[in-house]
Amino acid sequence: MNGIGFSELTAMQQALDSMEASVKLRNQARAERRAEDAERAKRAFQEKLMLSANSKLELDGMSSGVKGAQDAVQRDQLMAMMMAGF
């Protein structure tokens, strides 16, 4: 008998099974890393979005304060002109 024996076939099958399991584990690890990276990127984007929204609110508040001050100056100038008889 010059063919491959049963024990050799069993050993080759075990080697193939082991390689297959290794490839599956590597693919699973890659998929988990990609998911973790995507989650980190999502959190970073959401944080930047929140910071941007806070900055906009702060700028809107400052703008409103400046506009209010300008309105007060105009009102005061109008009152002074009315008192002066213009």
PDB file of N, CA and C in Angstrom:
ATOM      1  N   MET A   1       0.845  -1.162   0.000  1.00  0.00           N
ATOM      2  CA  MET A   1       0.000   0.000   0.000  1.00  0.00           C
ATOM      3  C   MET A   1       0.897   1.233   0.000  1.00  0.00           C
ATOM      4  N   ASN A   2       0.808   2.017  -1.062  1.00  0.00           N
ATOM      5  CA  ASN A   2       1.681   3.176  -1.178  1.00  0.00           C
ATOM      6  C   ASN A   2       0.913   4.498  -1.035  1.00  0.00           C
ATOM      7  N   GLY A   3      -0.313   4.475  -0.590  1.00  0.00           N
ATOM      8  CA  GLY A   3      -1.126   5.678  -0.410  1.00  0.00           C
ATOM      9  C   GLY A   3      -0.905   6.289   0.965  1.00  0.00           C
ATOM     10  N   ILE A   4      -1.679   7.312   1.233  1.00  0.00           N
ATOM     11  CA  ILE A   4      -1.600   7.992   2.522  1.00  0.00           C
ATOM     12  C   ILE A   4      -2.396   7.175   3.525  1.00  0.00           C
ATOM     13  N   GLY A   5      -1.819   6.964   4.695  1.00  0.00           N
ATOM     14  CA  GLY A   5      -2.475   6.182   5.727  1.00  0.00           C
ATOM     15  C   GLY A   5      -3.506   6.999   6.496  1.00  0.00           C
ATOM     16  N   PHE A   6      -4.327   6.313   7.255  1.00  0.00           N
ATOM     17  CA  PHE A   6      -5.404   6.946   8.030  1.00  0.00           C
ATOM     18  C   PHE A   6      -4.843   7.950   9.042  1.00  0.00           C
ATOM     19  N   SER A   7      -3.770   7.589   9.718  1.00  0.00           N
ATOM     20  CA  SER A   7      -3.198   8.492  10.720  1.00  0.00           C
ATOM     21  C   SER A   7      -2.639   9.756  10.073  1.00  0.00           C
ATOM     22  N   GLU A   8      -2.092   9.610   8.860  1.00  0.00           N
ATOM     23  CA  GLU A   8      -1.592  10.790   8.153  1.00  0.00           C
ATOM     24  C   GLU A   8      -2.754  11.697   7.741  1.00  0.00           C
ATOM     25  N   LEU A   9      -3.847  11.106   7.285  1.00  0.00           N
ATOM     26  CA  LEU A   9      -5.035  11.889   6.916  1.00  0.00           C
ATOM     27  C   LEU A   9      -5.595  12.620   8.134  1.00  0.00           C
ATOM     28  N   THR A  10      -5.625  11.907   9.258  1.00  0.00           N
ATOM     29  CA  THR A  10      -6.123  12.511  10.493  1.00  0.00           C
ATOM     30  C   THR A  10      -5.245  13.690  10.894  1.00  0.00           C
ATOM     31  N   ALA A  11      -3.934  13.530  10.802  1.00  0.00           N
ATOM     32  CA  ALA A  11      -3.003  14.601  11.155  1.00  0.00           C
ATOM     33  C   ALA A  11      -3.178  15.788  10.217  1.00  0.00           C
ATOM     34  N   MET A  12      -3.344  15.528   8.911  1.00  0.00           N
ATOM     35  CA  MET A  12      -3.540  16.615   7.948  1.00  0.00           C
ATOM     36  C   MET A  12      -4.871  17.333   8.219  1.00  0.00           C
ATOM     37  N   GLN A  13      -5.923  16.547   8.560  1.00  0.00           N
ATOM     38  CA  GLN A  13      -7.218  17.156   8.860  1.00  0.00           C
ATOM     39  C   GLN A  13      -7.126  18.038  10.104  1.00  0.00           C
ATOM     40  N   GLN A  14      -6.397  17.560  11.112  1.00  0.00           N
ATOM     41  CA  GLN A  14      -6.222  18.353  12.332  1.00  0.00           C
ATOM     42  C   GLN A  14      -5.458  19.642  12.036  1.00  0.00           C
ATOM     43  N   ALA A  15      -4.433  19.541  11.181  1.00  0.00           N
ATOM     44  CA  ALA A  15      -3.654  20.723  10.810  1.00  0.00           C
ATOM     45  C   ALA A  15      -4.550  21.732  10.072  1.00  0.00           C
ATOM     46  N   LEU A  16      -5.387  21.229   9.138  1.00  0.00           N
ATOM     47  CA  LEU A  16      -6.302  22.110   8.401  1.00  0.00           C
ATOM     48  C   LEU A  16      -7.326  22.741   9.335  1.00  0.00           C
ATOM     49  N   ASP A  17      -7.855  21.949  10.254  1.00  0.00           N
ATOM     50  CA  ASP A  17      -8.820  22.479  11.225  1.00  0.00           C
ATOM     51  C   ASP A  17      -8.186  23.572  12.083  1.00  0.00           C
ATOM     52  N   SER A  18      -6.953  23.342  12.493  1.00  0.00           N
ATOM     53  CA  SER A  18      -6.240  24.317  13.309  1.00  0.00           C
ATOM     54  C   SER A  18      -6.004  25.606  12.525  1.00  0.00           C
ATOM     55  N   MET A  19      -5.604  25.488  11.264  1.00  0.00           N
ATOM     56  CA  MET A  19      -5.384  26.667  10.426  1.00  0.00           C
ATOM     57  C   MET A  19      -6.692  27.433  10.223  1.00  0.00           C
ATOM     58  N   GLU A  20      -7.772  26.705   9.995  1.00  0.00           N
ATOM     59  CA  GLU A  20      -9.075  27.337   9.803  1.00  0.00           C
ATOM     60  C   GLU A  20      -9.498  28.101  11.064  1.00  0.00           C
ATOM     61  N   ALA A  21      -9.304  27.467  12.210  1.00  0.00           N
ATOM     62  CA  ALA A  21      -9.658  28.116  13.467  1.00  0.00           C
ATOM     63  C   ALA A  21      -8.815  29.377  13.677  1.00  0.00           C
ATOM     64  N   SER A  22      -7.541  29.312  13.329  1.00  0.00           N
ATOM     65  CA  SER A  22      -6.645  30.456  13.469  1.00  0.00           C
ATOM     66  C   SER A  22      -7.096  31.608  12.571  1.00  0.00           C
ATOM     67  N   VAL A  23      -7.463  31.297  11.344  1.00  0.00           N
ATOM     68  CA  VAL A  23      -7.938  32.332  10.414  1.00  0.00           C
ATOM     69  C   VAL A  23      -9.228  32.954  10.938  1.00  0.00           C
ATOM     70  N   LYS A  24     -10.126  32.139  11.446  1.00  0.00           N
ATOM     71  CA  LYS A  24     -11.394  32.658  11.985  1.00  0.00           C
ATOM     72  C   LYS A  24     -11.146  33.576  13.177  1.00  0.00           C
ATOM     73  N   LEU A  25     -10.236  33.184  14.070  1.00  0.00           N
ATOM     74  CA  LEU A  25      -9.924  34.017  15.231  1.00  0.00           C
ATOM     75  C   LEU A  25      -9.303  35.347  14.818  1.00  0.00           C
ATOM     76  N   ARG A  26      -8.395  35.303  13.828  1.00  0.00           N
ATOM     77  CA  ARG A  26      -7.786  36.539  13.342  1.00  0.00           C
ATOM     78  C   ARG A  26      -8.831  37.466  12.729  1.00  0.00           C
ATOM     79  N   ASN A  27      -9.737  36.904  11.937  1.00  0.00           N
ATOM     80  CA  ASN A  27     -10.793  37.709  11.324  1.00  0.00           C
ATOM     81  C   ASN A  27     -11.713  38.304  12.382  1.00  0.00           C
ATOM     82  N   GLN A  28     -12.029  37.519  13.396  1.00  0.00           N
ATOM     83  CA  GLN A  28     -12.885  38.008  14.479  1.00  0.00           C
ATOM     84  C   GLN A  28     -12.192  39.139  15.236  1.00  0.00           C
ATOM     85  N   ALA A  29     -10.896  38.986  15.493  1.00  0.00           N
ATOM     86  CA  ALA A  29     -10.138  40.022  16.201  1.00  0.00           C
ATOM     87  C   ALA A  29     -10.094  41.306  15.369  1.00  0.00           C
ATOM     88  N   ARG A  30      -9.893  41.179  14.054  1.00  0.00           N
ATOM     89  CA  ARG A  30      -9.893  42.357  13.178  1.00  0.00           C
ATOM     90  C   ARG A  30     -11.247  43.057  13.204  1.00  0.00           C
ATOM     91  N   ALA A  31     -12.312  42.267  13.123  1.00  0.00           N
ATOM     92  CA  ALA A  31     -13.665  42.844  13.139  1.00  0.00           C
ATOM     93  C   ALA A  31     -13.922  43.572  14.458  1.00  0.00           C
ATOM     94  N   GLU A  32     -13.479  42.998  15.565  1.00  0.00           N
ATOM     95  CA  GLU A  32     -13.652  43.650  16.869  1.00  0.00           C
ATOM     96  C   GLU A  32     -12.863  44.950  16.945  1.00  0.00           C
ATOM     97  N   ARG A  33     -11.629  44.943  16.417  1.00  0.00           N
ATOM     98  CA  ARG A  33     -10.827  46.169  16.409  1.00  0.00           C
ATOM     99  C   ARG A  33     -11.481  47.249  15.546  1.00  0.00           C
ATOM    100  N   ARG A  34     -12.009  46.857  14.387  1.00  0.00           N
ATOM    101  CA  ARG A  34     -12.690  47.830  13.526  1.00  0.00           C
ATOM    102  C   ARG A  34     -13.908  48.406  14.228  1.00  0.00           C
ATOM    103  N   ALA A  35     -14.662  47.569  14.930  1.00  0.00           N
ATOM    104  CA  ALA A  35     -15.843  48.047  15.660  1.00  0.00           C
ATOM    105  C   ALA A  35     -15.431  49.005  16.774  1.00  0.00           C
ATOM    106  N   GLU A  36     -14.355  48.673  17.498  1.00  0.00           N
ATOM    107  CA  GLU A  36     -13.869  49.551  18.565  1.00  0.00           C
ATOM    108  C   GLU A  36     -13.379  50.885  17.991  1.00  0.00           C
ATOM    109  N   ASP A  37     -12.666  50.827  16.865  1.00  0.00           N
ATOM    110  CA  ASP A  37     -12.188  52.058  16.221  1.00  0.00           C
ATOM    111  C   ASP A  37     -13.358  52.920  15.773  1.00  0.00           C
ATOM    112  N   ALA A  38     -14.371  52.280  15.208  1.00  0.00           N
ATOM    113  CA  ALA A  38     -15.555  53.020  14.757  1.00  0.00           C
ATOM    114  C   ALA A  38     -16.266  53.665  15.947  1.00  0.00           C
ATOM    115  N   GLU A  39     -16.353  52.955  17.051  1.00  0.00           N
ATOM    116  CA  GLU A  39     -17.004  53.502  18.251  1.00  0.00           C
ATOM    117  C   GLU A  39     -16.210  54.684  18.805  1.00  0.00           C
ATOM    118  N   ARG A  40     -14.874  54.565  18.820  1.00  0.00           N
ATOM    119  CA  ARG A  40     -14.040  55.677  19.280  1.00  0.00           C
ATOM    120  C   ARG A  40     -14.210  56.899  18.375  1.00  0.00           C
ATOM    121  N   ALA A  41     -14.231  56.672  17.072  1.00  0.00           N
ATOM    122  CA  ALA A  41     -14.406  57.777  16.125  1.00  0.00           C
ATOM    123  C   ALA A  41     -15.772  58.426  16.310  1.00  0.00           C
ATOM    124  N   LYS A  42     -16.781  57.615  16.551  1.00  0.00           N
ATOM    125  CA  LYS A  42     -18.132  58.148  16.776  1.00  0.00           C
ATOM    126  C   LYS A  42     -18.173  59.011  18.033  1.00  0.00           C
ATOM    127  N   ARG A  43     -17.567  58.523  19.119  1.00  0.00           N
ATOM    128  CA  ARG A  43     -17.535  59.295  20.368  1.00  0.00           C
ATOM    129  C   ARG A  43     -16.769  60.609  20.181  1.00  0.00           C
ATOM    130  N   ALA A  44     -15.642  60.559  19.467  1.00  0.00           N
ATOM    131  CA  ALA A  44     -14.839  61.764  19.228  1.00  0.00           C
ATOM    132  C   ALA A  44     -15.649  62.775  18.407  1.00  0.00           C
ATOM    133  N   PHE A  45     -16.363  62.280  17.398  1.00  0.00           N
ATOM    134  CA  PHE A  45     -17.182  63.173  16.582  1.00  0.00           C
ATOM    135  C   PHE A  45     -18.294  63.804  17.412  1.00  0.00           C
ATOM    136  N   GLN A  46     -18.950  62.993  18.238  1.00  0.00           N
ATOM    137  CA  GLN A  46     -20.025  63.521  19.078  1.00  0.00           C
ATOM    138  C   GLN A  46     -19.491  64.565  20.059  1.00  0.00           C
ATOM    139  N   GLU A  47     -18.292  64.330  20.598  1.00  0.00           N
ATOM    140  CA  GLU A  47     -17.686  65.292  21.518  1.00  0.00           C
ATOM    141  C   GLU A  47     -17.392  66.611  20.803  1.00  0.00           C
ATOM    142  N   LYS A  48     -16.835  66.520  19.587  1.00  0.00           N
ATOM    143  CA  LYS A  48     -16.557  67.727  18.814  1.00  0.00           C
ATOM    144  C   LYS A  48     -17.856  68.461  18.480  1.00  0.00           C
ATOM    145  N   LEU A  49     -18.883  67.704  18.171  1.00  0.00           N
ATOM    146  CA  LEU A  49     -20.178  68.302  17.861  1.00  0.00           C
ATOM    147  C   LEU A  49     -20.734  69.045  19.069  1.00  0.00           C
ATOM    148  N   MET A  50     -20.614  68.438  20.245  1.00  0.00           N
ATOM    149  CA  MET A  50     -21.078  69.091  21.474  1.00  0.00           C
ATOM    150  C   MET A  50     -20.269  70.360  21.760  1.00  0.00           C
ATOM    151  N   LEU A  51     -18.953  70.276  21.605  1.00  0.00           N
ATOM    152  CA  LEU A  51     -18.108  71.453  21.822  1.00  0.00           C
ATOM    153  C   LEU A  51     -18.475  72.571  20.851  1.00  0.00           C
ATOM    154  N   SER A  52     -18.745  72.194  19.620  1.00  0.00           N
ATOM    155  CA  SER A  52     -19.132  73.175  18.619  1.00  0.00           C
ATOM    156  C   SER A  52     -20.463  73.820  18.983  1.00  0.00           C
ATOM    157  N   ALA A  53     -21.415  73.012  19.432  1.00  0.00           N
ATOM    158  CA  ALA A  53     -22.724  73.547  19.827  1.00  0.00           C
ATOM    159  C   ALA A  53     -22.575  74.480  21.024  1.00  0.00           C
ATOM    160  N   ASN A  54     -21.740  74.097  21.995  1.00  0.00           N
ATOM    161  CA  ASN A  54     -21.507  74.960  23.161  1.00  0.00           C
ATOM    162  C   ASN A  54     -20.854  76.275  22.743  1.00  0.00           C
ATOM    163  N   SER A  55     -19.895  76.191  21.826  1.00  0.00           N
ATOM    164  CA  SER A  55     -19.230  77.401  21.344  1.00  0.00           C
ATOM    165  C   SER A  55     -20.227  78.311  20.634  1.00  0.00           C
ATOM    166  N   LYS A  56     -21.121  77.710  19.851  1.00  0.00           N
ATOM    167  CA  LYS A  56     -22.129  78.507  19.149  1.00  0.00           C
ATOM    168  C   LYS A  56     -23.050  79.197  20.149  1.00  0.00           C
ATOM    169  N   LEU A  57     -23.475  78.460  21.168  1.00  0.00           N
ATOM    170  CA  LEU A  57     -24.331  79.075  22.184  1.00  0.00           C
ATOM    171  C   LEU A  57     -23.612  80.229  22.877  1.00  0.00           C
ATOM    172  N   GLU A  58     -22.337  80.025  23.178  1.00  0.00           N
ATOM    173  CA  GLU A  58     -21.552  81.063  23.839  1.00  0.00           C
ATOM    174  C   GLU A  58     -21.416  82.293  22.940  1.00  0.00           C
ATOM    175  N   LEU A  59     -21.135  82.058  21.650  1.00  0.00           N
ATOM    176  CA  LEU A  59     -21.020  83.170  20.709  1.00  0.00           C
ATOM    177  C   LEU A  59     -22.353  83.893  20.535  1.00  0.00           C
ATOM    178  N   ASP A  60     -23.441  83.121  20.480  1.00  0.00           N
ATOM    179  CA  ASP A  60     -24.765  83.732  20.366  1.00  0.00           C
ATOM    180  C   ASP A  60     -25.051  84.608  21.582  1.00  0.00           C
ATOM    181  N   GLY A  61     -24.670  84.132  22.754  1.00  0.00           N
ATOM    182  CA  GLY A  61     -24.861  84.915  23.973  1.00  0.00           C
ATOM    183  C   GLY A  61     -24.050  86.189  23.954  1.00  0.00           C
ATOM    184  N   MET A  62     -22.789  86.071  23.510  1.00  0.00           N
ATOM    185  CA  MET A  62     -21.938  87.259  23.428  1.00  0.00           C
ATOM    186  C   MET A  62     -22.498  88.243  22.408  1.00  0.00           C
ATOM    187  N   SER A  63     -22.941  87.724  21.277  1.00  0.00           N
ATOM    188  CA  SER A  63     -23.509  88.571  20.235  1.00  0.00           C
ATOM    189  C   SER A  63     -24.749  89.287  20.740  1.00  0.00           C
ATOM    190  N   SER A  64     -25.567  88.569  21.471  1.00  0.00           N
ATOM    191  CA  SER A  64     -26.776  89.158  22.038  1.00  0.00           C
ATOM    192  C   SER A  64     -26.410  90.271  23.019  1.00  0.00           C
ATOM    193  N   GLY A  65     -25.381  90.040  23.826  1.00  0.00           N
ATOM    194  CA  GLY A  65     -24.924  91.056  24.779  1.00  0.00           C
ATOM    195  C   GLY A  65     -24.420  92.298  24.071  1.00  0.00           C
ATOM    196  N   VAL A  66     -23.652  92.111  23.001  1.00  0.00           N
ATOM    197  CA  VAL A  66     -23.133  93.242  22.230  1.00  0.00           C
ATOM    198  C   VAL A  66     -24.282  93.993  21.576  1.00  0.00           C
ATOM    199  N   LYS A  67     -25.228  93.253  20.998  1.00  0.00           N
ATOM    200  CA  LYS A  67     -26.397  93.880  20.364  1.00  0.00           C
ATOM    201  C   LYS A  67     -27.196  94.674  21.399  1.00  0.00           C
ATOM    202  N   GLY A  68     -27.374  94.113  22.582  1.00  0.00           N
ATOM    203  CA  GLY A  68     -28.098  94.814  23.647  1.00  0.00           C
ATOM    204  C   GLY A  68     -27.386  96.101  24.047  1.00  0.00           C
ATOM    205  N   ALA A  69     -26.054  96.032  24.120  1.00  0.00           N
ATOM    206  CA  ALA A  69     -25.267  97.216  24.482  1.00  0.00           C
ATOM    207  C   ALA A  69     -25.382  98.276  23.391  1.00  0.00           C
ATOM    208  N   GLN A  70     -25.341  97.852  22.124  1.00  0.00           N
ATOM    209  CA  GLN A  70     -25.495  98.801  21.016  1.00  0.00           C
ATOM    210  C   GLN A  70     -26.874  99.458  21.063  1.00  0.00           C
ATOM    211  N   ASP A  71     -27.889  98.663  21.314  1.00  0.00           N
ATOM    212  CA  ASP A  71     -29.256  99.199  21.409  1.00  0.00           C
ATOM    213  C   ASP A  71     -29.353 100.214  22.545  1.00  0.00           C
ATOM    214  N   ALA A  72     -28.710  99.921  23.670  1.00  0.00           N
ATOM    215  CA  ALA A  72     -28.744 100.838  24.812  1.00  0.00           C
ATOM    216  C   ALA A  72     -28.051 102.148  24.476  1.00  0.00           C
ATOM    217  N   VAL A  73     -26.930 102.073  23.770  1.00  0.00           N
ATOM    218  CA  VAL A  73     -26.208 103.288  23.374  1.00  0.00           C
ATOM    219  C   VAL A  73     -27.085 104.123  22.441  1.00  0.00           C
ATOM    220  N   GLN A  74     -27.711 103.474  21.453  1.00  0.00           N
ATOM    221  CA  GLN A  74     -28.584 104.202  20.527  1.00  0.00           C
ATOM    222  C   GLN A  74     -29.758 104.839  21.269  1.00  0.00           C
ATOM    223  N   ARG A  75     -30.324 104.116  22.196  1.00  0.00           N
ATOM    224  CA  ARG A  75     -31.439 104.642  22.985  1.00  0.00           C
ATOM    225  C   ARG A  75     -30.993 105.850  23.799  1.00  0.00           C
ATOM    226  N   ASP A  76     -29.823 105.726  24.428  1.00  0.00           N
ATOM    227  CA  ASP A  76     -29.296 106.837  25.220  1.00  0.00           C
ATOM    228  C   ASP A  76     -29.019 108.061  24.341  1.00  0.00           C
ATOM    229  N   GLN A  77     -28.467 107.818  23.148  1.00  0.00           N
ATOM    230  CA  GLN A  77     -28.192 108.939  22.233  1.00  0.00           C
ATOM    231  C   GLN A  77     -29.493 109.603  21.774  1.00  0.00           C
ATOM    232  N   LEU A  78     -30.511 108.790  21.479  1.00  0.00           N
ATOM    233  CA  LEU A  78     -31.803 109.317  21.060  1.00  0.00           C
ATOM    234  C   LEU A  78     -32.436 110.139  22.176  1.00  0.00           C
ATOM    235  N   MET A  79     -32.356 109.639  23.403  1.00  0.00           N
ATOM    236  CA  MET A  79     -32.901 110.359  24.552  1.00  0.00           C
ATOM    237  C   MET A  79     -32.159 111.693  24.746  1.00  0.00           C
ATOM    238  N   ALA A  80     -30.848 111.692  24.577  1.00  0.00           N
ATOM    239  CA  ALA A  80     -30.063 112.932  24.737  1.00  0.00           C
ATOM    240  C   ALA A  80     -30.443 113.928  23.676  1.00  0.00           C
ATOM    241  N   MET A  81     -30.652 113.451  22.442  1.00  0.00           N
ATOM    242  CA  MET A  81     -31.034 114.376  21.373  1.00  0.00           C
ATOM    243  C   MET A  81     -32.437 114.925  21.624  1.00  0.00           C
ATOM    244  N   MET A  82     -33.339 114.089  22.111  1.00  0.00           N
ATOM    245  CA  MET A  82     -34.702 114.557  22.395  1.00  0.00           C
ATOM    246  C   MET A  82     -34.686 115.571  23.526  1.00  0.00           C
ATOM    247  N   MET A  83     -33.848 115.340  24.530  1.00  0.00           N
ATOM    248  CA  MET A  83     -33.754 116.270  25.663  1.00  0.00           C
ATOM    249  C   MET A  83     -33.120 117.602  25.214  1.00  0.00           C
ATOM    250  N   ALA A  84     -32.241 117.519  24.208  1.00  0.00           N
ATOM    251  CA  ALA A  84     -31.578 118.726  23.729  1.00  0.00           C
ATOM    252  C   ALA A  84     -32.477 119.499  22.775  1.00  0.00           C
ATOM    253  N   GLY A  85     -33.589 118.909  22.386  1.00  0.00           N
ATOM    254  CA  GLY A  85     -34.537 119.595  21.531  1.00  0.00           C
ATOM    255  C   GLY A  85     -34.337 119.385  20.049  1.00  0.00           C
ATOM    256  N   PHE A  86     -33.611 118.361  19.679  1.00  0.00           N
ATOM    257  CA  PHE A  86     -33.422 118.109  18.242  1.00  0.00           C
ATOM    258  C   PHE A  86     -34.606 117.448  17.664  1.00  0.00           C
TER     259      PHE A  86
END
